[in-house]
Amino acid sequence: MSKSLIIIKILLTASITLFNNINQAEAQVRLQDPEESTKSFTDRLWYGGNINLGFQGTNTYNIFFFGISPMAGYKITEEFSVGPRVEVFYTYYRAFVFSQNGYFNAHPVSFSGGIFTRYKFFNQFFGHLEYNLEKAVFLESRGGDFVVDGDRLSTVSEYFDNFYIGLGYTSGGRFGSEISILYNVIQDSQSLDLPISIRIGFNYNF
């Protein structure tokens, strides 16, 4: 069985186990609250997302990036929800290529998509599990210099499996803000990227 299938199985098993454990505690509440049992599909949906924006530069290159990460959750109970999350990340590179003695640009787009589960406790805190597949695009370099393909900087794509686990806090209310700290438990130990992800975003009806 591939690593991706194993991770999906773990995530689904954890979600089902968590749901079964809380379902018994919630059953009596639902029986006493007719409004809970008559909620429609759309009433159980909530929405959220993150926006990333920034830039950096050195003497030889400049980077501008913009990312958006929408997500939608379905409340199996008022506390426990599941749903999809996607991320689209645009990067603008401008770099000096010594072998060409000039400046060149690139405009790669990276993206990822996956599923998550959340369990809210104490009203404003939540646990978060997420598995996604990511396609990341980087500038190609060779011998300490960037590579040019035609009239643009050359890029290379890499694919990753990510499995995040962590905790978060939401401000609550119909429209709310949130912050979460997640750890990628399957990140390659040889990667230069930190396995910790800090997300700041918003939610609606969470």
N, C-alpha and C. Protein backbone atom coordinates (compact mmCIF):
# COMPACT_ATOMS: atom_id res chain seq x y z
N MET A 1 0.85 -1.20 0.00
CA MET A 1 0.00 0.00 0.00
C MET A 1 0.88 1.25 0.00
N SER A 2 0.57 2.23 -0.85
CA SER A 2 1.38 3.43 -0.94
C SER A 2 1.24 4.28 0.32
N LYS A 3 2.24 5.17 0.52
CA LYS A 3 2.22 6.04 1.68
C LYS A 3 0.98 6.92 1.70
N SER A 4 0.56 7.42 0.53
CA SER A 4 -0.62 8.29 0.46
C SER A 4 -1.88 7.56 0.93
N LEU A 5 -2.04 6.30 0.48
CA LEU A 5 -3.23 5.54 0.88
C LEU A 5 -3.21 5.23 2.36
N ILE A 6 -2.03 4.95 2.91
CA ILE A 6 -1.91 4.68 4.34
C ILE A 6 -2.33 5.90 5.14
N ILE A 7 -1.88 7.08 4.72
CA ILE A 7 -2.21 8.31 5.45
C ILE A 7 -3.69 8.60 5.39
N ILE A 8 -4.29 8.43 4.20
CA ILE A 8 -5.74 8.64 4.07
C ILE A 8 -6.50 7.69 4.98
N LYS A 9 -6.05 6.41 5.04
CA LYS A 9 -6.71 5.44 5.90
C LYS A 9 -6.61 5.85 7.37
N ILE A 10 -5.42 6.34 7.77
CA ILE A 10 -5.24 6.78 9.15
C ILE A 10 -6.16 7.94 9.47
N LEU A 11 -6.24 8.91 8.54
CA LEU A 11 -7.08 10.08 8.76
C LEU A 11 -8.55 9.71 8.86
N LEU A 12 -9.00 8.84 7.96
CA LEU A 12 -10.40 8.42 8.00
C LEU A 12 -10.71 7.62 9.25
N THR A 13 -9.78 6.73 9.64
CA THR A 13 -9.99 5.93 10.85
C THR A 13 -10.07 6.81 12.08
N ALA A 14 -9.15 7.80 12.15
CA ALA A 14 -9.16 8.71 13.29
C ALA A 14 -10.46 9.52 13.34
N SER A 15 -10.94 9.94 12.17
CA SER A 15 -12.18 10.72 12.12
C SER A 15 -13.38 9.89 12.57
N ILE A 16 -13.45 8.65 12.09
CA ILE A 16 -14.56 7.77 12.46
C ILE A 16 -14.54 7.45 13.95
N THR A 17 -13.34 7.17 14.47
CA THR A 17 -13.21 6.86 15.90
C THR A 17 -13.63 8.05 16.75
N LEU A 18 -13.15 9.24 16.36
CA LEU A 18 -13.51 10.44 17.11
C LEU A 18 -15.01 10.69 17.06
N PHE A 19 -15.60 10.51 15.89
CA PHE A 19 -17.03 10.72 15.75
C PHE A 19 -17.83 9.74 16.61
N ASN A 20 -17.43 8.47 16.61
CA ASN A 20 -18.14 7.47 17.41
C ASN A 20 -18.05 7.78 18.89
N ASN A 21 -16.91 8.30 19.32
CA ASN A 21 -16.74 8.61 20.74
C ASN A 21 -17.61 9.78 21.18
N ILE A 22 -17.75 10.76 20.30
CA ILE A 22 -18.54 11.93 20.71
C ILE A 22 -20.02 11.77 20.38
N ASN A 23 -20.33 10.84 19.49
CA ASN A 23 -21.71 10.69 19.06
C ASN A 23 -22.62 10.29 20.21
N GLN A 24 -22.14 9.41 21.09
CA GLN A 24 -22.96 8.97 22.21
C GLN A 24 -23.25 10.12 23.16
N ALA A 25 -22.21 10.96 23.37
CA ALA A 25 -22.41 12.09 24.28
C ALA A 25 -23.35 13.13 23.68
N GLU A 26 -23.34 13.23 22.34
CA GLU A 26 -24.19 14.22 21.68
C GLU A 26 -25.62 13.74 21.47
N ALA A 27 -25.82 12.42 21.52
CA ALA A 27 -27.13 11.86 21.18
C ALA A 27 -28.23 12.39 22.09
N GLN A 28 -27.94 12.39 23.40
CA GLN A 28 -28.96 12.84 24.34
C GLN A 28 -29.29 14.31 24.14
N VAL A 29 -28.23 15.11 23.81
CA VAL A 29 -28.46 16.53 23.58
C VAL A 29 -29.35 16.74 22.37
N ARG A 30 -29.11 15.96 21.31
CA ARG A 30 -29.92 16.12 20.10
C ARG A 30 -31.38 15.72 20.34
N LEU A 31 -31.57 14.70 21.18
CA LEU A 31 -32.94 14.28 21.50
C LEU A 31 -33.68 15.38 22.25
N GLN A 32 -32.95 16.13 23.07
CA GLN A 32 -33.58 17.18 23.86
C GLN A 32 -33.68 18.50 23.09
N ASP A 33 -33.04 18.55 21.92
CA ASP A 33 -33.03 19.79 21.13
C ASP A 33 -33.51 19.49 19.72
N PRO A 34 -34.81 19.57 19.45
CA PRO A 34 -35.34 19.27 18.11
C PRO A 34 -34.71 20.11 17.02
N GLU A 35 -34.28 21.31 17.35
CA GLU A 35 -33.69 22.19 16.34
C GLU A 35 -32.41 21.60 15.77
N GLU A 36 -31.66 20.87 16.61
CA GLU A 36 -30.41 20.27 16.16
C GLU A 36 -30.66 19.19 15.12
N SER A 37 -31.69 18.36 15.32
CA SER A 37 -31.95 17.24 14.42
C SER A 37 -32.60 17.67 13.11
N THR A 38 -33.11 18.91 13.04
CA THR A 38 -33.78 19.36 11.82
C THR A 38 -32.91 20.32 11.00
N LYS A 39 -31.65 20.48 11.35
CA LYS A 39 -30.78 21.37 10.59
C LYS A 39 -30.58 20.82 9.19
N SER A 40 -30.65 21.71 8.19
CA SER A 40 -30.45 21.30 6.81
C SER A 40 -28.95 21.16 6.50
N PHE A 41 -28.66 20.65 5.31
CA PHE A 41 -27.27 20.47 4.90
C PHE A 41 -26.53 21.81 4.89
N THR A 42 -27.16 22.85 4.32
CA THR A 42 -26.50 24.16 4.24
C THR A 42 -26.31 24.80 5.62
N ASP A 43 -27.22 24.50 6.55
CA ASP A 43 -27.08 25.04 7.91
C ASP A 43 -25.84 24.48 8.60
N ARG A 44 -25.43 23.29 8.19
CA ARG A 44 -24.29 22.63 8.82
C ARG A 44 -22.95 23.00 8.18
N LEU A 45 -22.98 23.79 7.12
CA LEU A 45 -21.74 24.17 6.45
C LEU A 45 -21.10 25.40 7.10
N TRP A 46 -19.80 25.42 7.12
CA TRP A 46 -19.07 26.61 7.49
C TRP A 46 -17.91 26.80 6.52
N TYR A 47 -17.39 28.04 6.47
CA TYR A 47 -16.38 28.38 5.48
C TYR A 47 -15.23 29.13 6.15
N GLY A 48 -14.08 29.03 5.53
CA GLY A 48 -12.92 29.72 6.08
C GLY A 48 -11.82 29.82 5.06
N GLY A 49 -10.69 30.34 5.49
CA GLY A 49 -9.57 30.43 4.57
C GLY A 49 -8.44 31.28 5.14
N ASN A 50 -7.35 31.27 4.39
CA ASN A 50 -6.16 32.05 4.74
C ASN A 50 -5.69 32.81 3.50
N ILE A 51 -5.04 33.94 3.74
CA ILE A 51 -4.44 34.71 2.67
C ILE A 51 -2.98 34.99 3.04
N ASN A 52 -2.07 34.72 2.10
CA ASN A 52 -0.65 34.97 2.32
C ASN A 52 -0.18 36.03 1.32
N LEU A 53 0.57 36.99 1.80
CA LEU A 53 1.06 38.06 0.95
C LEU A 53 2.41 38.53 1.48
N GLY A 54 3.39 38.68 0.59
CA GLY A 54 4.69 39.14 1.05
C GLY A 54 5.70 39.27 -0.06
N PHE A 55 6.88 39.71 0.30
CA PHE A 55 7.97 39.84 -0.67
C PHE A 55 9.30 39.76 0.07
N GLN A 56 10.34 39.46 -0.67
CA GLN A 56 11.69 39.47 -0.14
C GLN A 56 12.66 39.69 -1.29
N GLY A 57 13.87 40.08 -0.96
CA GLY A 57 14.82 40.33 -2.02
C GLY A 57 16.25 40.36 -1.53
N THR A 58 17.18 40.19 -2.47
CA THR A 58 18.62 40.30 -2.22
C THR A 58 19.22 41.13 -3.35
N ASN A 59 20.54 41.12 -3.45
CA ASN A 59 21.19 41.85 -4.52
C ASN A 59 21.00 41.20 -5.88
N THR A 60 20.61 39.92 -5.90
CA THR A 60 20.51 39.20 -7.17
C THR A 60 19.09 38.78 -7.54
N TYR A 61 18.15 38.83 -6.61
CA TYR A 61 16.78 38.44 -6.97
C TYR A 61 15.77 39.09 -6.05
N ASN A 62 14.52 39.18 -6.55
CA ASN A 62 13.38 39.65 -5.77
C ASN A 62 12.22 38.68 -5.94
N ILE A 63 11.46 38.52 -4.88
CA ILE A 63 10.32 37.60 -4.90
C ILE A 63 9.09 38.32 -4.33
N PHE A 64 7.98 38.20 -5.04
CA PHE A 64 6.67 38.62 -4.54
C PHE A 64 5.76 37.41 -4.59
N PHE A 65 5.00 37.18 -3.52
CA PHE A 65 4.12 36.02 -3.51
C PHE A 65 2.75 36.36 -2.94
N PHE A 66 1.77 35.64 -3.46
CA PHE A 66 0.38 35.79 -3.01
C PHE A 66 -0.28 34.42 -3.01
N GLY A 67 -0.91 34.08 -1.90
CA GLY A 67 -1.58 32.78 -1.81
C GLY A 67 -2.95 32.90 -1.18
N ILE A 68 -3.86 32.05 -1.61
CA ILE A 68 -5.21 32.00 -1.04
C ILE A 68 -5.57 30.54 -0.78
N SER A 69 -6.19 30.30 0.38
CA SER A 69 -6.45 28.92 0.81
C SER A 69 -7.88 28.78 1.33
N PRO A 70 -8.85 28.62 0.44
CA PRO A 70 -10.24 28.45 0.89
C PRO A 70 -10.48 27.05 1.45
N MET A 71 -11.43 26.96 2.37
CA MET A 71 -11.82 25.67 2.94
C MET A 71 -13.30 25.70 3.28
N ALA A 72 -13.90 24.52 3.32
CA ALA A 72 -15.32 24.41 3.69
C ALA A 72 -15.48 23.19 4.58
N GLY A 73 -16.21 23.35 5.66
CA GLY A 73 -16.42 22.25 6.59
C GLY A 73 -17.89 21.89 6.72
N TYR A 74 -18.14 20.62 6.98
CA TYR A 74 -19.51 20.14 7.24
C TYR A 74 -19.58 19.67 8.68
N LYS A 75 -20.51 20.24 9.45
CA LYS A 75 -20.64 19.91 10.87
C LYS A 75 -21.43 18.62 11.05
N ILE A 76 -20.71 17.53 11.31
CA ILE A 76 -21.39 16.27 11.64
C ILE A 76 -22.09 16.43 12.98
N THR A 77 -21.43 17.08 13.91
CA THR A 77 -22.05 17.59 15.13
C THR A 77 -21.63 19.05 15.24
N GLU A 78 -22.10 19.73 16.25
CA GLU A 78 -21.74 21.14 16.40
C GLU A 78 -20.25 21.31 16.64
N GLU A 79 -19.59 20.29 17.19
CA GLU A 79 -18.16 20.38 17.49
C GLU A 79 -17.29 19.74 16.42
N PHE A 80 -17.76 18.66 15.80
CA PHE A 80 -16.92 17.86 14.91
C PHE A 80 -17.29 18.12 13.45
N SER A 81 -16.28 18.43 12.62
CA SER A 81 -16.54 18.73 11.21
C SER A 81 -15.45 18.16 10.32
N VAL A 82 -15.80 17.97 9.05
CA VAL A 82 -14.87 17.47 8.04
C VAL A 82 -15.07 18.29 6.77
N GLY A 83 -14.06 18.28 5.90
CA GLY A 83 -14.23 19.01 4.64
C GLY A 83 -12.95 19.11 3.84
N PRO A 84 -13.02 19.76 2.67
CA PRO A 84 -11.86 19.94 1.81
C PRO A 84 -11.17 21.29 2.05
N ARG A 85 -9.90 21.33 1.72
CA ARG A 85 -9.13 22.58 1.75
C ARG A 85 -8.19 22.59 0.56
N VAL A 86 -8.12 23.71 -0.15
CA VAL A 86 -7.20 23.85 -1.28
C VAL A 86 -6.36 25.10 -1.08
N GLU A 87 -5.22 25.13 -1.74
CA GLU A 87 -4.35 26.30 -1.67
C GLU A 87 -3.77 26.58 -3.05
N VAL A 88 -3.81 27.83 -3.46
CA VAL A 88 -3.20 28.27 -4.72
C VAL A 88 -2.21 29.37 -4.36
N PHE A 89 -0.98 29.22 -4.85
CA PHE A 89 0.12 30.11 -4.45
C PHE A 89 0.82 30.63 -5.69
N TYR A 90 0.72 31.94 -5.93
CA TYR A 90 1.38 32.58 -7.07
C TYR A 90 2.67 33.26 -6.59
N THR A 91 3.75 33.07 -7.34
CA THR A 91 5.03 33.69 -7.01
C THR A 91 5.59 34.40 -8.24
N TYR A 92 6.06 35.63 -8.05
CA TYR A 92 6.74 36.36 -9.12
C TYR A 92 8.23 36.46 -8.75
N TYR A 93 9.07 35.92 -9.61
CA TYR A 93 10.52 35.98 -9.42
C TYR A 93 11.14 36.93 -10.45
N ARG A 94 12.10 37.71 -10.00
CA ARG A 94 12.95 38.47 -10.92
C ARG A 94 14.38 38.30 -10.42
N ALA A 95 15.24 37.74 -11.27
CA ALA A 95 16.58 37.40 -10.81
C ALA A 95 17.62 37.73 -11.88
N PHE A 96 18.84 38.02 -11.40
CA PHE A 96 19.96 38.26 -12.30
C PHE A 96 20.64 36.92 -12.58
N VAL A 97 20.82 36.60 -13.86
CA VAL A 97 21.46 35.35 -14.26
C VAL A 97 22.85 35.70 -14.79
N PHE A 98 23.87 35.26 -14.09
CA PHE A 98 25.24 35.63 -14.43
C PHE A 98 25.65 35.09 -15.81
N SER A 99 25.22 33.85 -16.12
CA SER A 99 25.62 33.26 -17.39
C SER A 99 25.04 34.02 -18.58
N GLN A 100 23.93 34.74 -18.37
CA GLN A 100 23.28 35.51 -19.43
C GLN A 100 23.54 37.01 -19.29
N ASN A 101 24.14 37.40 -18.16
CA ASN A 101 24.44 38.80 -17.86
C ASN A 101 23.19 39.68 -18.02
N GLY A 102 22.09 39.21 -17.43
CA GLY A 102 20.86 39.98 -17.51
C GLY A 102 19.82 39.49 -16.52
N TYR A 103 18.70 40.23 -16.45
CA TYR A 103 17.60 39.91 -15.54
C TYR A 103 16.51 39.15 -16.29
N PHE A 104 15.92 38.16 -15.60
CA PHE A 104 14.85 37.36 -16.18
C PHE A 104 13.76 37.16 -15.12
N ASN A 105 12.55 36.84 -15.61
CA ASN A 105 11.40 36.69 -14.73
C ASN A 105 10.83 35.27 -14.82
N ALA A 106 10.03 34.93 -13.81
CA ALA A 106 9.24 33.70 -13.83
C ALA A 106 7.99 33.94 -13.00
N HIS A 107 6.89 33.24 -13.37
CA HIS A 107 5.61 33.44 -12.69
C HIS A 107 4.97 32.08 -12.36
N PRO A 108 5.61 31.25 -11.56
CA PRO A 108 5.06 29.92 -11.29
C PRO A 108 3.87 29.96 -10.33
N VAL A 109 3.03 28.95 -10.46
CA VAL A 109 1.88 28.77 -9.56
C VAL A 109 1.99 27.39 -8.91
N SER A 110 1.98 27.37 -7.59
CA SER A 110 1.97 26.12 -6.84
C SER A 110 0.57 25.90 -6.28
N PHE A 111 0.23 24.65 -5.99
CA PHE A 111 -1.08 24.39 -5.41
C PHE A 111 -1.07 23.10 -4.61
N SER A 112 -2.07 22.98 -3.75
CA SER A 112 -2.26 21.76 -2.97
C SER A 112 -3.74 21.56 -2.72
N GLY A 113 -4.12 20.35 -2.41
CA GLY A 113 -5.51 20.03 -2.11
C GLY A 113 -5.59 18.83 -1.19
N GLY A 114 -6.56 18.85 -0.29
CA GLY A 114 -6.68 17.73 0.63
C GLY A 114 -7.95 17.80 1.45
N ILE A 115 -7.98 16.99 2.50
CA ILE A 115 -9.13 16.92 3.39
C ILE A 115 -8.68 17.16 4.83
N PHE A 116 -9.61 17.64 5.64
CA PHE A 116 -9.28 17.91 7.04
C PHE A 116 -10.43 17.48 7.94
N THR A 117 -10.12 17.32 9.21
CA THR A 117 -11.13 17.14 10.25
C THR A 117 -10.81 18.12 11.37
N ARG A 118 -11.86 18.62 12.02
CA ARG A 118 -11.69 19.53 13.15
C ARG A 118 -12.63 19.14 14.27
N TYR A 119 -12.14 19.33 15.50
CA TYR A 119 -12.99 19.14 16.66
C TYR A 119 -12.85 20.37 17.56
N LYS A 120 -13.95 21.06 17.79
CA LYS A 120 -13.95 22.29 18.58
C LYS A 120 -14.25 21.96 20.04
N PHE A 121 -13.49 22.57 20.95
CA PHE A 121 -13.72 22.34 22.37
C PHE A 121 -13.55 23.66 23.12
N PHE A 122 -14.20 23.75 24.27
CA PHE A 122 -14.21 24.98 25.06
C PHE A 122 -14.64 26.18 24.21
N ASN A 123 -15.51 25.93 23.24
CA ASN A 123 -16.12 26.95 22.39
C ASN A 123 -15.17 27.62 21.39
N GLN A 124 -13.95 27.93 21.80
CA GLN A 124 -13.09 28.73 20.94
C GLN A 124 -11.76 28.06 20.56
N PHE A 125 -11.52 26.86 21.03
CA PHE A 125 -10.31 26.12 20.66
C PHE A 125 -10.68 24.93 19.77
N PHE A 126 -9.74 24.50 18.95
CA PHE A 126 -10.03 23.35 18.09
C PHE A 126 -8.76 22.55 17.80
N GLY A 127 -8.96 21.25 17.61
CA GLY A 127 -7.91 20.38 17.11
C GLY A 127 -8.08 20.22 15.61
N HIS A 128 -6.98 20.08 14.89
CA HIS A 128 -7.03 20.06 13.43
C HIS A 128 -6.13 18.95 12.90
N LEU A 129 -6.69 18.08 12.04
CA LEU A 129 -5.94 17.07 11.30
C LEU A 129 -6.14 17.33 9.81
N GLU A 130 -5.08 17.23 9.03
CA GLU A 130 -5.21 17.51 7.60
C GLU A 130 -4.19 16.71 6.79
N TYR A 131 -4.67 16.13 5.69
CA TYR A 131 -3.79 15.48 4.73
C TYR A 131 -3.96 16.16 3.38
N ASN A 132 -2.83 16.48 2.73
CA ASN A 132 -2.95 17.06 1.39
C ASN A 132 -1.81 16.63 0.49
N LEU A 133 -2.05 16.77 -0.79
CA LEU A 133 -1.04 16.56 -1.82
C LEU A 133 -0.63 17.93 -2.35
N GLU A 134 0.66 18.18 -2.45
CA GLU A 134 1.15 19.50 -2.82
C GLU A 134 2.06 19.42 -4.05
N LYS A 135 1.85 20.36 -4.97
CA LYS A 135 2.77 20.57 -6.08
C LYS A 135 3.43 21.93 -5.86
N ALA A 136 4.74 21.91 -5.59
CA ALA A 136 5.49 23.15 -5.35
C ALA A 136 6.43 23.40 -6.53
N VAL A 137 6.51 24.66 -6.96
CA VAL A 137 7.33 25.03 -8.11
C VAL A 137 8.46 25.94 -7.63
N PHE A 138 9.70 25.60 -7.99
CA PHE A 138 10.87 26.35 -7.57
C PHE A 138 11.69 26.77 -8.79
N LEU A 139 12.55 27.77 -8.58
CA LEU A 139 13.49 28.15 -9.62
C LEU A 139 14.57 27.08 -9.75
N GLU A 140 14.93 26.78 -10.98
CA GLU A 140 16.00 25.81 -11.22
C GLU A 140 17.35 26.52 -11.14
N SER A 141 18.28 25.90 -10.45
CA SER A 141 19.63 26.48 -10.35
C SER A 141 20.66 25.42 -10.69
N ARG A 142 21.80 25.89 -11.17
CA ARG A 142 22.87 24.98 -11.57
C ARG A 142 24.21 25.69 -11.39
N GLY A 143 25.09 25.08 -10.61
CA GLY A 143 26.41 25.68 -10.40
C GLY A 143 26.35 27.03 -9.73
N GLY A 144 25.37 27.24 -8.84
CA GLY A 144 25.26 28.51 -8.14
C GLY A 144 24.62 29.62 -8.94
N ASP A 145 24.07 29.30 -10.12
CA ASP A 145 23.43 30.31 -10.96
C ASP A 145 22.05 29.80 -11.37
N PHE A 146 21.13 30.75 -11.63
CA PHE A 146 19.81 30.37 -12.11
C PHE A 146 19.89 29.93 -13.57
N VAL A 147 18.91 29.14 -14.00
CA VAL A 147 18.87 28.59 -15.35
C VAL A 147 17.81 29.33 -16.15
N VAL A 148 18.11 29.63 -17.40
CA VAL A 148 17.17 30.33 -18.28
C VAL A 148 16.64 29.36 -19.32
N ASP A 149 15.32 29.40 -19.52
CA ASP A 149 14.68 28.59 -20.55
C ASP A 149 13.96 29.55 -21.50
N GLY A 150 14.53 29.76 -22.69
CA GLY A 150 13.95 30.75 -23.61
C GLY A 150 14.21 32.14 -23.09
N ASP A 151 13.13 32.87 -22.80
CA ASP A 151 13.28 34.23 -22.26
C ASP A 151 12.83 34.31 -20.80
N ARG A 152 12.70 33.15 -20.13
CA ARG A 152 12.25 33.13 -18.74
C ARG A 152 13.17 32.28 -17.87
N LEU A 153 13.07 32.51 -16.59
CA LEU A 153 13.76 31.65 -15.64
C LEU A 153 13.15 30.26 -15.68
N SER A 154 13.99 29.26 -15.65
CA SER A 154 13.51 27.88 -15.67
C SER A 154 13.04 27.46 -14.28
N THR A 155 11.97 26.70 -14.24
CA THR A 155 11.42 26.22 -12.96
C THR A 155 11.34 24.70 -12.95
N VAL A 156 11.30 24.14 -11.75
CA VAL A 156 11.13 22.70 -11.56
C VAL A 156 10.00 22.48 -10.57
N SER A 157 9.27 21.39 -10.74
CA SER A 157 8.15 21.07 -9.86
C SER A 157 8.49 19.87 -9.00
N GLU A 158 8.05 19.92 -7.76
CA GLU A 158 8.21 18.80 -6.84
C GLU A 158 6.86 18.51 -6.19
N TYR A 159 6.63 17.24 -5.86
CA TYR A 159 5.36 16.82 -5.29
C TYR A 159 5.60 16.26 -3.89
N PHE A 160 4.69 16.63 -2.96
CA PHE A 160 4.85 16.23 -1.57
C PHE A 160 3.53 15.71 -1.01
N ASP A 161 3.64 14.79 -0.06
CA ASP A 161 2.53 14.43 0.82
C ASP A 161 2.73 15.18 2.13
N ASN A 162 1.67 15.78 2.65
CA ASN A 162 1.74 16.48 3.93
C ASN A 162 0.63 15.97 4.85
N PHE A 163 0.98 15.74 6.10
CA PHE A 163 -0.01 15.32 7.09
C PHE A 163 0.19 16.19 8.33
N TYR A 164 -0.74 17.16 8.51
CA TYR A 164 -0.62 18.14 9.58
C TYR A 164 -1.49 17.75 10.78
N ILE A 165 -0.97 18.04 11.96
CA ILE A 165 -1.73 17.87 13.18
C ILE A 165 -1.41 19.06 14.09
N GLY A 166 -2.44 19.62 14.72
CA GLY A 166 -2.17 20.78 15.56
C GLY A 166 -3.41 21.32 16.25
N LEU A 167 -3.25 22.51 16.81
CA LEU A 167 -4.31 23.16 17.58
C LEU A 167 -4.52 24.58 17.07
N GLY A 168 -5.72 25.09 17.33
CA GLY A 168 -6.03 26.45 16.90
C GLY A 168 -6.96 27.15 17.84
N TYR A 169 -7.13 28.44 17.60
CA TYR A 169 -8.03 29.29 18.40
C TYR A 169 -8.84 30.14 17.45
N THR A 170 -10.14 30.26 17.71
CA THR A 170 -11.02 31.11 16.92
C THR A 170 -11.68 32.14 17.81
N SER A 171 -11.92 33.32 17.26
CA SER A 171 -12.53 34.40 18.04
C SER A 171 -14.00 34.15 18.31
N GLY A 172 -14.62 33.22 17.53
CA GLY A 172 -16.04 32.94 17.72
C GLY A 172 -16.93 33.95 17.01
N GLY A 173 -18.24 33.73 17.11
CA GLY A 173 -19.19 34.60 16.43
C GLY A 173 -19.48 34.12 15.02
N ARG A 174 -20.46 34.76 14.38
CA ARG A 174 -20.83 34.38 13.01
C ARG A 174 -19.65 34.54 12.06
N PHE A 175 -19.00 35.71 12.11
CA PHE A 175 -17.75 35.94 11.39
C PHE A 175 -16.64 35.94 12.42
N GLY A 176 -15.63 35.15 12.20
CA GLY A 176 -14.55 35.07 13.17
C GLY A 176 -13.19 35.01 12.53
N SER A 177 -12.18 35.31 13.32
CA SER A 177 -10.79 35.14 12.90
C SER A 177 -10.24 33.90 13.62
N GLU A 178 -9.15 33.36 13.09
CA GLU A 178 -8.57 32.18 13.71
C GLU A 178 -7.07 32.14 13.49
N ILE A 179 -6.39 31.41 14.37
CA ILE A 179 -4.97 31.15 14.23
C ILE A 179 -4.72 29.70 14.63
N SER A 180 -3.88 29.03 13.89
CA SER A 180 -3.57 27.63 14.19
C SER A 180 -2.09 27.37 14.01
N ILE A 181 -1.57 26.44 14.79
CA ILE A 181 -0.18 26.00 14.70
C ILE A 181 -0.20 24.51 14.40
N LEU A 182 0.36 24.13 13.24
CA LEU A 182 0.29 22.75 12.78
C LEU A 182 1.70 22.20 12.56
N TYR A 183 1.83 20.89 12.74
CA TYR A 183 3.11 20.22 12.56
C TYR A 183 2.96 19.14 11.50
N ASN A 184 3.84 19.16 10.51
CA ASN A 184 3.81 18.18 9.42
C ASN A 184 4.59 16.95 9.86
N VAL A 185 3.87 15.89 10.23
CA VAL A 185 4.51 14.72 10.84
C VAL A 185 5.23 13.84 9.83
N ILE A 186 5.05 14.07 8.53
CA ILE A 186 5.70 13.22 7.53
C ILE A 186 6.65 14.00 6.62
N GLN A 187 7.04 15.19 7.05
CA GLN A 187 7.97 15.96 6.21
C GLN A 187 9.32 15.26 6.15
N ASP A 188 9.94 15.30 4.99
CA ASP A 188 11.25 14.71 4.78
C ASP A 188 12.27 15.34 5.73
N SER A 189 12.99 14.50 6.46
CA SER A 189 13.96 15.00 7.43
C SER A 189 15.11 15.76 6.76
N GLN A 190 15.30 15.57 5.45
CA GLN A 190 16.36 16.25 4.72
C GLN A 190 15.90 17.58 4.11
N SER A 191 14.63 17.92 4.29
CA SER A 191 14.12 19.16 3.73
C SER A 191 14.59 20.36 4.55
N LEU A 192 14.86 21.48 3.85
CA LEU A 192 15.23 22.71 4.53
C LEU A 192 14.02 23.43 5.12
N ASP A 193 12.83 23.10 4.65
CA ASP A 193 11.61 23.73 5.16
C ASP A 193 11.33 23.29 6.59
N LEU A 194 10.83 24.22 7.38
CA LEU A 194 10.42 23.87 8.74
C LEU A 194 9.12 23.08 8.70
N PRO A 195 8.97 22.07 9.57
CA PRO A 195 7.73 21.27 9.56
C PRO A 195 6.56 21.98 10.22
N ILE A 196 6.79 23.15 10.80
CA ILE A 196 5.74 23.88 11.51
C ILE A 196 5.09 24.90 10.58
N SER A 197 3.77 24.92 10.58
CA SER A 197 3.00 25.87 9.77
C SER A 197 2.10 26.69 10.68
N ILE A 198 2.21 28.01 10.59
CA ILE A 198 1.34 28.91 11.36
C ILE A 198 0.37 29.56 10.38
N ARG A 199 -0.91 29.36 10.61
CA ARG A 199 -1.94 29.89 9.72
C ARG A 199 -2.80 30.92 10.46
N ILE A 200 -2.98 32.06 9.81
CA ILE A 200 -3.86 33.10 10.34
C ILE A 200 -4.93 33.37 9.29
N GLY A 201 -6.18 33.26 9.67
CA GLY A 201 -7.24 33.41 8.68
C GLY A 201 -8.56 33.82 9.28
N PHE A 202 -9.64 33.42 8.62
CA PHE A 202 -10.98 33.82 9.01
C PHE A 202 -11.93 32.64 8.84
N ASN A 203 -13.10 32.73 9.42
CA ASN A 203 -14.12 31.72 9.22
C ASN A 203 -15.50 32.34 9.33
N TYR A 204 -16.47 31.62 8.79
CA TYR A 204 -17.86 32.03 8.82
C TYR A 204 -18.73 30.84 9.24
N ASN A 205 -19.50 31.02 10.28
CA ASN A 205 -20.43 30.01 10.78
C ASN A 205 -19.72 28.81 11.41
N PHE A 206 -18.47 28.98 11.79
CA PHE A 206 -17.72 27.90 12.42
C PHE A 206 -18.10 27.76 13.90
